Amino acid sequence: MSPPNHDAWIGPFIGRLKSLMSTTGRGMDRATLSHLRRGLGKPIDATLAEAGWLFVSIPEHPRSALDNVCLVAGLFGLWHQGRDAVADDPPPNLGASLHALAAEERRRT
């Protein structure tokens, strides 16, 4: 079996995540964003049961790809909590994103 072509699924997956924040058409999908946030730190089955349509293009092998993408989706939901649009200037990498999330959490408490 040949390895999956990652380029073939990343773009559509990111597009589906961004569509959750869309204020045109059917409106922002706050329920799905909430499901993604609640799935953080839990087995991915709950996330897939509530928002499985987001992950239809993710390759079945390796299974870690699905685990990682569920984590990314949950972090996307957490980052955009309380926002009305996709961030215009997202942090450049995961470390910067986590730093910004931690700083925001400290400001909230």
PDB file of N, CA and C in Angstrom:
ATOM      1  N   MET A   1       0.849  -1.178   0.000  1.00  0.00           N
ATOM      2  CA  MET A   1       0.000   0.000   0.000  1.00  0.00           C
ATOM      3  C   MET A   1       0.892   1.238   0.000  1.00  0.00           C
ATOM      4  N   SER A   2       0.601   2.176  -0.847  1.00  0.00           N
ATOM      5  CA  SER A   2       1.396   3.402  -0.900  1.00  0.00           C
ATOM      6  C   SER A   2       0.900   4.382   0.159  1.00  0.00           C
ATOM      7  N   PRO A   3       1.785   5.240   0.651  1.00  0.00           N
ATOM      8  CA  PRO A   3       1.375   6.206   1.672  1.00  0.00           C
ATOM      9  C   PRO A   3       0.366   7.194   1.101  1.00  0.00           C
ATOM     10  N   PRO A   4      -0.541   7.697   1.954  1.00  0.00           N
ATOM     11  CA  PRO A   4      -1.546   8.642   1.469  1.00  0.00           C
ATOM     12  C   PRO A   4      -0.905   9.952   1.035  1.00  0.00           C
ATOM     13  N   ASN A   5      -1.523  10.606   0.074  1.00  0.00           N
ATOM     14  CA  ASN A   5      -1.065  11.905  -0.390  1.00  0.00           C
ATOM     15  C   ASN A   5      -1.625  12.969   0.547  1.00  0.00           C
ATOM     16  N   HIS A   6      -0.793  13.464   1.451  1.00  0.00           N
ATOM     17  CA  HIS A   6      -1.259  14.423   2.458  1.00  0.00           C
ATOM     18  C   HIS A   6      -1.745  15.726   1.850  1.00  0.00           C
ATOM     19  N   ASP A   7      -1.132  16.131   0.755  1.00  0.00           N
ATOM     20  CA  ASP A   7      -1.543  17.381   0.123  1.00  0.00           C
ATOM     21  C   ASP A   7      -2.983  17.325  -0.361  1.00  0.00           C
ATOM     22  N   ALA A   8      -3.461  16.143  -0.655  1.00  0.00           N
ATOM     23  CA  ALA A   8      -4.809  15.994  -1.196  1.00  0.00           C
ATOM     24  C   ALA A   8      -5.886  16.248  -0.139  1.00  0.00           C
ATOM     25  N   TRP A   9      -5.594  16.086   1.129  1.00  0.00           N
ATOM     26  CA  TRP A   9      -6.635  16.247   2.150  1.00  0.00           C
ATOM     27  C   TRP A   9      -6.457  17.461   3.039  1.00  0.00           C
ATOM     28  N   ILE A  10      -5.268  18.019   3.112  1.00  0.00           N
ATOM     29  CA  ILE A  10      -5.037  19.142   4.019  1.00  0.00           C
ATOM     30  C   ILE A  10      -5.854  20.366   3.611  1.00  0.00           C
ATOM     31  N   GLY A  11      -5.812  20.731   2.341  1.00  0.00           N
ATOM     32  CA  GLY A  11      -6.554  21.903   1.870  1.00  0.00           C
ATOM     33  C   GLY A  11      -8.049  21.806   2.129  1.00  0.00           C
ATOM     34  N   PRO A  12      -8.695  20.699   1.729  1.00  0.00           N
ATOM     35  CA  PRO A  12     -10.129  20.573   2.010  1.00  0.00           C
ATOM     36  C   PRO A  12     -10.452  20.588   3.511  1.00  0.00           C
ATOM     37  N   PHE A  13      -9.584  19.987   4.319  1.00  0.00           N
ATOM     38  CA  PHE A  13      -9.816  19.986   5.770  1.00  0.00           C
ATOM     39  C   PHE A  13      -9.766  21.408   6.330  1.00  0.00           C
ATOM     40  N   ILE A  14      -8.738  22.162   5.950  1.00  0.00           N
ATOM     41  CA  ILE A  14      -8.620  23.553   6.409  1.00  0.00           C
ATOM     42  C   ILE A  14      -9.819  24.366   5.928  1.00  0.00           C
ATOM     43  N   GLY A  15     -10.253  24.127   4.700  1.00  0.00           N
ATOM     44  CA  GLY A  15     -11.428  24.822   4.179  1.00  0.00           C
ATOM     45  C   GLY A  15     -12.680  24.542   4.995  1.00  0.00           C
ATOM     46  N   ARG A  16     -12.853  23.279   5.415  1.00  0.00           N
ATOM     47  CA  ARG A  16     -14.026  22.940   6.247  1.00  0.00           C
ATOM     48  C   ARG A  16     -13.929  23.603   7.621  1.00  0.00           C
ATOM     49  N   LEU A  17     -12.712  23.659   8.189  1.00  0.00           N
ATOM     50  CA  LEU A  17     -12.563  24.353   9.470  1.00  0.00           C
ATOM     51  C   LEU A  17     -12.925  25.832   9.328  1.00  0.00           C
ATOM     52  N   LYS A  18     -12.403  26.470   8.292  1.00  0.00           N
ATOM     53  CA  LYS A  18     -12.696  27.888   8.076  1.00  0.00           C
ATOM     54  C   LYS A  18     -14.183  28.120   7.843  1.00  0.00           C
ATOM     55  N   SER A  19     -14.846  27.154   7.216  1.00  0.00           N
ATOM     56  CA  SER A  19     -16.280  27.319   6.955  1.00  0.00           C
ATOM     57  C   SER A  19     -17.087  27.382   8.250  1.00  0.00           C
ATOM     58  N   LEU A  20     -16.545  26.848   9.330  1.00  0.00           N
ATOM     59  CA  LEU A  20     -17.241  26.918  10.624  1.00  0.00           C
ATOM     60  C   LEU A  20     -17.361  28.356  11.102  1.00  0.00           C
ATOM     61  N   MET A  21     -16.436  29.197  10.673  1.00  0.00           N
ATOM     62  CA  MET A  21     -16.415  30.591  11.095  1.00  0.00           C
ATOM     63  C   MET A  21     -17.133  31.505  10.109  1.00  0.00           C
ATOM     64  N   SER A  22     -17.633  30.940   9.027  1.00  0.00           N
ATOM     65  CA  SER A  22     -18.259  31.748   7.977  1.00  0.00           C
ATOM     66  C   SER A  22     -19.517  32.431   8.498  1.00  0.00           C
ATOM     67  N   THR A  23     -19.617  33.705   8.239  1.00  0.00           N
ATOM     68  CA  THR A  23     -20.826  34.444   8.630  1.00  0.00           C
ATOM     69  C   THR A  23     -21.738  34.645   7.435  1.00  0.00           C
ATOM     70  N   THR A  24     -21.369  34.059   6.303  1.00  0.00           N
ATOM     71  CA  THR A  24     -22.232  34.128   5.124  1.00  0.00           C
ATOM     72  C   THR A  24     -22.949  32.795   4.972  1.00  0.00           C
ATOM     73  N   GLY A  25     -23.980  32.769   4.186  1.00  0.00           N
ATOM     74  CA  GLY A  25     -24.706  31.523   3.963  1.00  0.00           C
ATOM     75  C   GLY A  25     -25.448  31.082   5.197  1.00  0.00           C
ATOM     76  N   ARG A  26     -25.086  29.929   5.723  1.00  0.00           N
ATOM     77  CA  ARG A  26     -25.822  29.365   6.865  1.00  0.00           C
ATOM     78  C   ARG A  26     -25.397  29.947   8.205  1.00  0.00           C
ATOM     79  N   GLY A  27     -24.363  30.757   8.231  1.00  0.00           N
ATOM     80  CA  GLY A  27     -23.931  31.393   9.469  1.00  0.00           C
ATOM     81  C   GLY A  27     -22.866  30.591  10.192  1.00  0.00           C
ATOM     82  N   MET A  28     -22.342  31.175  11.229  1.00  0.00           N
ATOM     83  CA  MET A  28     -21.283  30.554  12.003  1.00  0.00           C
ATOM     84  C   MET A  28     -21.806  29.293  12.698  1.00  0.00           C
ATOM     85  N   ASP A  29     -21.017  28.247  12.673  1.00  0.00           N
ATOM     86  CA  ASP A  29     -21.410  26.973  13.268  1.00  0.00           C
ATOM     87  C   ASP A  29     -20.828  26.866  14.681  1.00  0.00           C
ATOM     88  N   ARG A  30     -21.417  27.596  15.598  1.00  0.00           N
ATOM     89  CA  ARG A  30     -20.922  27.622  16.982  1.00  0.00           C
ATOM     90  C   ARG A  30     -21.051  26.267  17.662  1.00  0.00           C
ATOM     91  N   ALA A  31     -22.066  25.499  17.297  1.00  0.00           N
ATOM     92  CA  ALA A  31     -22.255  24.187  17.916  1.00  0.00           C
ATOM     93  C   ALA A  31     -21.090  23.250  17.593  1.00  0.00           C
ATOM     94  N   THR A  32     -20.692  23.206  16.324  1.00  0.00           N
ATOM     95  CA  THR A  32     -19.578  22.333  15.950  1.00  0.00           C
ATOM     96  C   THR A  32     -18.282  22.815  16.588  1.00  0.00           C
ATOM     97  N   LEU A  33     -18.050  24.125  16.602  1.00  0.00           N
ATOM     98  CA  LEU A  33     -16.859  24.658  17.272  1.00  0.00           C
ATOM     99  C   LEU A  33     -16.838  24.251  18.743  1.00  0.00           C
ATOM    100  N   SER A  34     -17.997  24.284  19.377  1.00  0.00           N
ATOM    101  CA  SER A  34     -18.098  23.877  20.777  1.00  0.00           C
ATOM    102  C   SER A  34     -17.786  22.388  20.947  1.00  0.00           C
ATOM    103  N   HIS A  35     -18.296  21.554  20.042  1.00  0.00           N
ATOM    104  CA  HIS A  35     -17.991  20.119  20.099  1.00  0.00           C
ATOM    105  C   HIS A  35     -16.496  19.879  19.953  1.00  0.00           C
ATOM    106  N   LEU A  36     -15.866  20.624  19.055  1.00  0.00           N
ATOM    107  CA  LEU A  36     -14.426  20.462  18.858  1.00  0.00           C
ATOM    108  C   LEU A  36     -13.661  20.844  20.114  1.00  0.00           C
ATOM    109  N   ARG A  37     -14.051  21.943  20.749  1.00  0.00           N
ATOM    110  CA  ARG A  37     -13.373  22.369  21.995  1.00  0.00           C
ATOM    111  C   ARG A  37     -13.552  21.332  23.092  1.00  0.00           C
ATOM    112  N   ARG A  38     -14.772  20.822  23.227  1.00  0.00           N
ATOM    113  CA  ARG A  38     -15.035  19.838  24.286  1.00  0.00           C
ATOM    114  C   ARG A  38     -14.299  18.523  24.050  1.00  0.00           C
ATOM    115  N   GLY A  39     -13.915  18.255  22.803  1.00  0.00           N
ATOM    116  CA  GLY A  39     -13.206  17.025  22.492  1.00  0.00           C
ATOM    117  C   GLY A  39     -11.742  17.034  22.880  1.00  0.00           C
ATOM    118  N   LEU A  40     -11.205  18.213  23.191  1.00  0.00           N
ATOM    119  CA  LEU A  40      -9.794  18.285  23.568  1.00  0.00           C
ATOM    120  C   LEU A  40      -9.525  17.447  24.815  1.00  0.00           C
ATOM    121  N   GLY A  41      -8.528  16.599  24.743  1.00  0.00           N
ATOM    122  CA  GLY A  41      -8.142  15.780  25.888  1.00  0.00           C
ATOM    123  C   GLY A  41      -9.001  14.552  26.091  1.00  0.00           C
ATOM    124  N   LYS A  42      -9.928  14.297  25.187  1.00  0.00           N
ATOM    125  CA  LYS A  42     -10.806  13.135  25.288  1.00  0.00           C
ATOM    126  C   LYS A  42     -10.547  12.213  24.112  1.00  0.00           C
ATOM    127  N   PRO A  43     -11.013  10.961  24.204  1.00  0.00           N
ATOM    128  CA  PRO A  43     -10.883  10.071  23.044  1.00  0.00           C
ATOM    129  C   PRO A  43     -11.577  10.691  21.824  1.00  0.00           C
ATOM    130  N   ILE A  44     -11.008  10.463  20.646  1.00  0.00           N
ATOM    131  CA  ILE A  44     -11.530  11.128  19.454  1.00  0.00           C
ATOM    132  C   ILE A  44     -12.908  10.638  19.040  1.00  0.00           C
ATOM    133  N   ASP A  45     -13.373   9.538  19.584  1.00  0.00           N
ATOM    134  CA  ASP A  45     -14.683   9.014  19.202  1.00  0.00           C
ATOM    135  C   ASP A  45     -15.795  10.026  19.426  1.00  0.00           C
ATOM    136  N   ALA A  46     -15.740  10.764  20.516  1.00  0.00           N
ATOM    137  CA  ALA A  46     -16.781  11.754  20.799  1.00  0.00           C
ATOM    138  C   ALA A  46     -16.759  12.874  19.764  1.00  0.00           C
ATOM    139  N   THR A  47     -15.573  13.327  19.411  1.00  0.00           N
ATOM    140  CA  THR A  47     -15.450  14.378  18.396  1.00  0.00           C
ATOM    141  C   THR A  47     -15.970  13.879  17.056  1.00  0.00           C
ATOM    142  N   LEU A  48     -15.601  12.664  16.691  1.00  0.00           N
ATOM    143  CA  LEU A  48     -16.038  12.114  15.415  1.00  0.00           C
ATOM    144  C   LEU A  48     -17.543  11.909  15.379  1.00  0.00           C
ATOM    145  N   ALA A  49     -18.132  11.543  16.513  1.00  0.00           N
ATOM    146  CA  ALA A  49     -19.580  11.337  16.553  1.00  0.00           C
ATOM    147  C   ALA A  49     -20.337  12.641  16.339  1.00  0.00           C
ATOM    148  N   GLU A  50     -19.787  13.745  16.824  1.00  0.00           N
ATOM    149  CA  GLU A  50     -20.473  15.035  16.734  1.00  0.00           C
ATOM    150  C   GLU A  50     -20.087  15.853  15.505  1.00  0.00           C
ATOM    151  N   ALA A  51     -18.880  15.653  14.993  1.00  0.00           N
ATOM    152  CA  ALA A  51     -18.395  16.498  13.893  1.00  0.00           C
ATOM    153  C   ALA A  51     -17.633  15.683  12.865  1.00  0.00           C
ATOM    154  N   GLY A  52     -18.040  14.461  12.652  1.00  0.00           N
ATOM    155  CA  GLY A  52     -17.326  13.562  11.741  1.00  0.00           C
ATOM    156  C   GLY A  52     -17.210  14.064  10.322  1.00  0.00           C
ATOM    157  N   TRP A  53     -18.165  14.875   9.891  1.00  0.00           N
ATOM    158  CA  TRP A  53     -18.141  15.394   8.514  1.00  0.00           C
ATOM    159  C   TRP A  53     -16.898  16.232   8.241  1.00  0.00           C
ATOM    160  N   LEU A  54     -16.307  16.813   9.285  1.00  0.00           N
ATOM    161  CA  LEU A  54     -15.089  17.605   9.090  1.00  0.00           C
ATOM    162  C   LEU A  54     -13.903  16.749   8.658  1.00  0.00           C
ATOM    163  N   PHE A  55     -13.948  15.474   9.010  1.00  0.00           N
ATOM    164  CA  PHE A  55     -12.777  14.616   8.870  1.00  0.00           C
ATOM    165  C   PHE A  55     -12.886  13.604   7.738  1.00  0.00           C
ATOM    166  N   VAL A  56     -13.829  13.799   6.813  1.00  0.00           N
ATOM    167  CA  VAL A  56     -14.072  12.808   5.767  1.00  0.00           C
ATOM    168  C   VAL A  56     -12.890  12.590   4.835  1.00  0.00           C
ATOM    169  N   SER A  57     -12.043  13.565   4.653  1.00  0.00           N
ATOM    170  CA  SER A  57     -10.933  13.418   3.704  1.00  0.00           C
ATOM    171  C   SER A  57      -9.634  12.960   4.357  1.00  0.00           C
ATOM    172  N   ILE A  58      -9.648  12.734   5.662  1.00  0.00           N
ATOM    173  CA  ILE A  58      -8.418  12.346   6.368  1.00  0.00           C
ATOM    174  C   ILE A  58      -8.107  10.885   6.048  1.00  0.00           C
ATOM    175  N   PRO A  59      -6.876  10.572   5.662  1.00  0.00           N
ATOM    176  CA  PRO A  59      -6.540   9.179   5.336  1.00  0.00           C
ATOM    177  C   PRO A  59      -6.708   8.259   6.542  1.00  0.00           C
ATOM    178  N   GLU A  60      -7.096   7.036   6.271  1.00  0.00           N
ATOM    179  CA  GLU A  60      -7.286   6.071   7.354  1.00  0.00           C
ATOM    180  C   GLU A  60      -5.961   5.609   7.949  1.00  0.00           C
ATOM    181  N   HIS A  61      -4.917   5.663   7.159  1.00  0.00           N
ATOM    182  CA  HIS A  61      -3.617   5.194   7.632  1.00  0.00           C
ATOM    183  C   HIS A  61      -2.626   6.321   7.497  1.00  0.00           C
ATOM    184  N   PRO A  62      -1.867   6.661   8.444  1.00  0.00           N
ATOM    185  CA  PRO A  62      -1.850   6.083   9.781  1.00  0.00           C
ATOM    186  C   PRO A  62      -2.949   6.665  10.668  1.00  0.00           C
ATOM    187  N   ARG A  63      -3.322   5.930  11.671  1.00  0.00           N
ATOM    188  CA  ARG A  63      -4.360   6.373  12.596  1.00  0.00           C
ATOM    189  C   ARG A  63      -3.925   7.649  13.313  1.00  0.00           C
ATOM    190  N   SER A  64      -2.632   7.811  13.498  1.00  0.00           N
ATOM    191  CA  SER A  64      -2.147   9.014  14.182  1.00  0.00           C
ATOM    192  C   SER A  64      -2.520  10.285  13.419  1.00  0.00           C
ATOM    193  N   ALA A  65      -2.702  10.191  12.104  1.00  0.00           N
ATOM    194  CA  ALA A  65      -3.112  11.373  11.336  1.00  0.00           C
ATOM    195  C   ALA A  65      -4.467  11.862  11.832  1.00  0.00           C
ATOM    196  N   LEU A  66      -5.394  10.953  12.055  1.00  0.00           N
ATOM    197  CA  LEU A  66      -6.714  11.338  12.539  1.00  0.00           C
ATOM    198  C   LEU A  66      -6.629  11.897  13.955  1.00  0.00           C
ATOM    199  N   ASP A  67      -5.824  11.288  14.801  1.00  0.00           N
ATOM    200  CA  ASP A  67      -5.629  11.808  16.160  1.00  0.00           C
ATOM    201  C   ASP A  67      -5.096  13.234  16.118  1.00  0.00           C
ATOM    202  N   ASN A  68      -4.089  13.463  15.283  1.00  0.00           N
ATOM    203  CA  ASN A  68      -3.482  14.793  15.186  1.00  0.00           C
ATOM    204  C   ASN A  68      -4.450  15.820  14.631  1.00  0.00           C
ATOM    205  N   VAL A  69      -5.226  15.425  13.628  1.00  0.00           N
ATOM    206  CA  VAL A  69      -6.163  16.363  13.012  1.00  0.00           C
ATOM    207  C   VAL A  69      -7.291  16.707  13.980  1.00  0.00           C
ATOM    208  N   CYS A  70      -7.728  15.753  14.790  1.00  0.00           N
ATOM    209  CA  CYS A  70      -8.746  16.055  15.811  1.00  0.00           C
ATOM    210  C   CYS A  70      -8.193  17.061  16.825  1.00  0.00           C
ATOM    211  N   LEU A  71      -6.926  16.920  17.180  1.00  0.00           N
ATOM    212  CA  LEU A  71      -6.298  17.873  18.086  1.00  0.00           C
ATOM    213  C   LEU A  71      -6.250  19.259  17.446  1.00  0.00           C
ATOM    214  N   VAL A  72      -5.842  19.323  16.196  1.00  0.00           N
ATOM    215  CA  VAL A  72      -5.788  20.608  15.486  1.00  0.00           C
ATOM    216  C   VAL A  72      -7.182  21.236  15.432  1.00  0.00           C
ATOM    217  N   ALA A  73      -8.194  20.437  15.137  1.00  0.00           N
ATOM    218  CA  ALA A  73      -9.564  20.961  15.058  1.00  0.00           C
ATOM    219  C   ALA A  73     -10.023  21.493  16.416  1.00  0.00           C
ATOM    220  N   GLY A  74      -9.693  20.773  17.486  1.00  0.00           N
ATOM    221  CA  GLY A  74     -10.057  21.243  18.821  1.00  0.00           C
ATOM    222  C   GLY A  74      -9.362  22.548  19.171  1.00  0.00           C
ATOM    223  N   LEU A  75      -8.085  22.645  18.822  1.00  0.00           N
ATOM    224  CA  LEU A  75      -7.352  23.884  19.074  1.00  0.00           C
ATOM    225  C   LEU A  75      -7.890  25.029  18.214  1.00  0.00           C
ATOM    226  N   PHE A  76      -8.315  24.727  16.991  1.00  0.00           N
ATOM    227  CA  PHE A  76      -8.943  25.739  16.139  1.00  0.00           C
ATOM    228  C   PHE A  76     -10.199  26.268  16.821  1.00  0.00           C
ATOM    229  N   GLY A  77     -11.016  25.355  17.344  1.00  0.00           N
ATOM    230  CA  GLY A  77     -12.227  25.773  18.047  1.00  0.00           C
ATOM    231  C   GLY A  77     -11.917  26.592  19.283  1.00  0.00           C
ATOM    232  N   LEU A  78     -10.879  26.212  20.016  1.00  0.00           N
ATOM    233  CA  LEU A  78     -10.488  26.953  21.214  1.00  0.00           C
ATOM    234  C   LEU A  78      -9.956  28.332  20.855  1.00  0.00           C
ATOM    235  N   TRP A  79      -9.099  28.404  19.843  1.00  0.00           N
ATOM    236  CA  TRP A  79      -8.510  29.682  19.434  1.00  0.00           C
ATOM    237  C   TRP A  79      -9.591  30.658  18.991  1.00  0.00           C
ATOM    238  N   HIS A  80     -10.612  30.180  18.299  1.00  0.00           N
ATOM    239  CA  HIS A  80     -11.631  31.063  17.744  1.00  0.00           C
ATOM    240  C   HIS A  80     -12.829  31.250  18.669  1.00  0.00           C
ATOM    241  N   GLN A  81     -12.762  30.732  19.874  1.00  0.00           N
ATOM    242  CA  GLN A  81     -13.857  30.914  20.818  1.00  0.00           C
ATOM    243  C   GLN A  81     -14.053  32.403  21.105  1.00  0.00           C
ATOM    244  N   GLY A  82     -15.283  32.861  20.928  1.00  0.00           N
ATOM    245  CA  GLY A  82     -15.594  34.258  21.181  1.00  0.00           C
ATOM    246  C   GLY A  82     -15.239  35.190  20.041  1.00  0.00           C
ATOM    247  N   ARG A  83     -14.744  34.650  18.952  1.00  0.00           N
ATOM    248  CA  ARG A  83     -14.399  35.480  17.793  1.00  0.00           C
ATOM    249  C   ARG A  83     -15.479  35.327  16.725  1.00  0.00           C
ATOM    250  N   ASP A  84     -15.584  36.317  15.887  1.00  0.00           N
ATOM    251  CA  ASP A  84     -16.611  36.297  14.848  1.00  0.00           C
ATOM    252  C   ASP A  84     -16.078  35.971  13.466  1.00  0.00           C
ATOM    253  N   ALA A  85     -14.779  35.793  13.319  1.00  0.00           N
ATOM    254  CA  ALA A  85     -14.199  35.486  12.016  1.00  0.00           C
ATOM    255  C   ALA A  85     -12.881  34.743  12.223  1.00  0.00           C
ATOM    256  N   VAL A  86     -12.419  34.121  11.169  1.00  0.00           N
ATOM    257  CA  VAL A  86     -11.117  33.464  11.213  1.00  0.00           C
ATOM    258  C   VAL A  86     -10.067  34.541  11.456  1.00  0.00           C
ATOM    259  N   ALA A  87      -9.115  34.243  12.326  1.00  0.00           N
ATOM    260  CA  ALA A  87      -8.065  35.209  12.659  1.00  0.00           C
ATOM    261  C   ALA A  87      -7.349  35.692  11.405  1.00  0.00           C
ATOM    262  N   ASP A  88      -7.224  37.006  11.276  1.00  0.00           N
ATOM    263  CA  ASP A  88      -6.539  37.591  10.119  1.00  0.00           C
ATOM    264  C   ASP A  88      -5.034  37.383  10.175  1.00  0.00           C
ATOM    265  N   ASP A  89      -4.494  37.385  11.371  1.00  0.00           N
ATOM    266  CA  ASP A  89      -3.046  37.256  11.523  1.00  0.00           C
ATOM    267  C   ASP A  89      -2.730  36.168  12.543  1.00  0.00           C
ATOM    268  N   PRO A  90      -2.965  34.898  12.176  1.00  0.00           N
ATOM    269  CA  PRO A  90      -2.715  33.816  13.121  1.00  0.00           C
ATOM    270  C   PRO A  90      -1.230  33.726  13.457  1.00  0.00           C
ATOM    271  N   PRO A  91      -0.914  33.180  14.613  1.00  0.00           N
ATOM    272  CA  PRO A  91       0.496  32.990  14.976  1.00  0.00           C
ATOM    273  C   PRO A  91       1.203  32.132  13.924  1.00  0.00           C
ATOM    274  N   PRO A  92       2.502  32.320  13.776  1.00  0.00           N
ATOM    275  CA  PRO A  92       3.233  31.656  12.694  1.00  0.00           C
ATOM    276  C   PRO A  92       3.471  30.162  12.888  1.00  0.00           C
ATOM    277  N   ASN A  93       3.345  29.664  14.117  1.00  0.00           N
ATOM    278  CA  ASN A  93       3.611  28.247  14.347  1.00  0.00           C
ATOM    279  C   ASN A  93       2.882  27.776  15.600  1.00  0.00           C
ATOM    280  N   LEU A  94       2.951  26.477  15.881  1.00  0.00           N
ATOM    281  CA  LEU A  94       2.225  25.903  17.008  1.00  0.00           C
ATOM    282  C   LEU A  94       2.696  26.482  18.342  1.00  0.00           C
ATOM    283  N   GLY A  95       3.999  26.654  18.506  1.00  0.00           N
ATOM    284  CA  GLY A  95       4.516  27.206  19.759  1.00  0.00           C
ATOM    285  C   GLY A  95       3.968  28.593  20.038  1.00  0.00           C
ATOM    286  N   ALA A  96       3.952  29.433  19.016  1.00  0.00           N
ATOM    287  CA  ALA A  96       3.420  30.786  19.173  1.00  0.00           C
ATOM    288  C   ALA A  96       1.919  30.744  19.447  1.00  0.00           C
ATOM    289  N   SER A  97       1.226  29.810  18.819  1.00  0.00           N
ATOM    290  CA  SER A  97      -0.212  29.668  19.055  1.00  0.00           C
ATOM    291  C   SER A  97      -0.496  29.276  20.502  1.00  0.00           C
ATOM    292  N   LEU A  98       0.240  28.290  20.997  1.00  0.00           N
ATOM    293  CA  LEU A  98       0.032  27.854  22.381  1.00  0.00           C
ATOM    294  C   LEU A  98       0.401  28.958  23.368  1.00  0.00           C
ATOM    295  N   HIS A  99       1.449  29.711  23.074  1.00  0.00           N
ATOM    296  CA  HIS A  99       1.830  30.838  23.929  1.00  0.00           C
ATOM    297  C   HIS A  99       0.702  31.866  23.986  1.00  0.00           C
ATOM    298  N   ALA A 100       0.124  32.183  22.825  1.00  0.00           N
ATOM    299  CA  ALA A 100      -0.968  33.163  22.764  1.00  0.00           C
ATOM    300  C   ALA A 100      -2.201  32.650  23.518  1.00  0.00           C
ATOM    301  N   LEU A 101      -2.504  31.354  23.383  1.00  0.00           N
ATOM    302  CA  LEU A 101      -3.647  30.789  24.113  1.00  0.00           C
ATOM    303  C   LEU A 101      -3.424  30.860  25.624  1.00  0.00           C
ATOM    304  N   ALA A 102      -2.210  30.528  26.064  1.00  0.00           N
ATOM    305  CA  ALA A 102      -1.909  30.583  27.493  1.00  0.00           C
ATOM    306  C   ALA A 102      -2.015  32.004  28.019  1.00  0.00           C
ATOM    307  N   ALA A 103      -1.505  32.956  27.260  1.00  0.00           N
ATOM    308  CA  ALA A 103      -1.587  34.360  27.682  1.00  0.00           C
ATOM    309  C   ALA A 103      -3.041  34.815  27.761  1.00  0.00           C
ATOM    310  N   GLU A 104      -3.851  34.399  26.807  1.00  0.00           N
ATOM    311  CA  GLU A 104      -5.267  34.764  26.832  1.00  0.00           C
ATOM    312  C   GLU A 104      -5.975  34.148  28.038  1.00  0.00           C
ATOM    313  N   GLU A 105      -5.658  32.910  28.352  1.00  0.00           N
ATOM    314  CA  GLU A 105      -6.251  32.255  29.523  1.00  0.00           C
ATOM    315  C   GLU A 105      -5.860  32.967  30.806  1.00  0.00           C
ATOM    316  N   ARG A 106      -4.603  33.404  30.906  1.00  0.00           N
ATOM    317  CA  ARG A 106      -4.156  34.127  32.104  1.00  0.00           C
ATOM    318  C   ARG A 106      -4.910  35.445  32.241  1.00  0.00           C
ATOM    319  N   ARG A 107      -5.178  36.118  31.124  1.00  0.00           N
ATOM    320  CA  ARG A 107      -5.930  37.390  31.170  1.00  0.00           C
ATOM    321  C   ARG A 107      -7.375  37.167  31.621  1.00  0.00           C
ATOM    322  N   ARG A 108      -7.942  36.018  31.272  1.00  0.00           N
ATOM    323  CA  ARG A 108      -9.335  35.727  31.628  1.00  0.00           C
ATOM    324  C   ARG A 108      -9.516  35.407  33.106  1.00  0.00           C
ATOM    325  N   THR A 109      -8.459  34.925  33.753  1.00  0.00           N
ATOM    326  CA  THR A 109      -8.590  34.507  35.159  1.00  0.00           C
ATOM    327  C   THR A 109      -8.163  35.593  36.106  1.00  0.00           C
TER     328      THR A 109
END
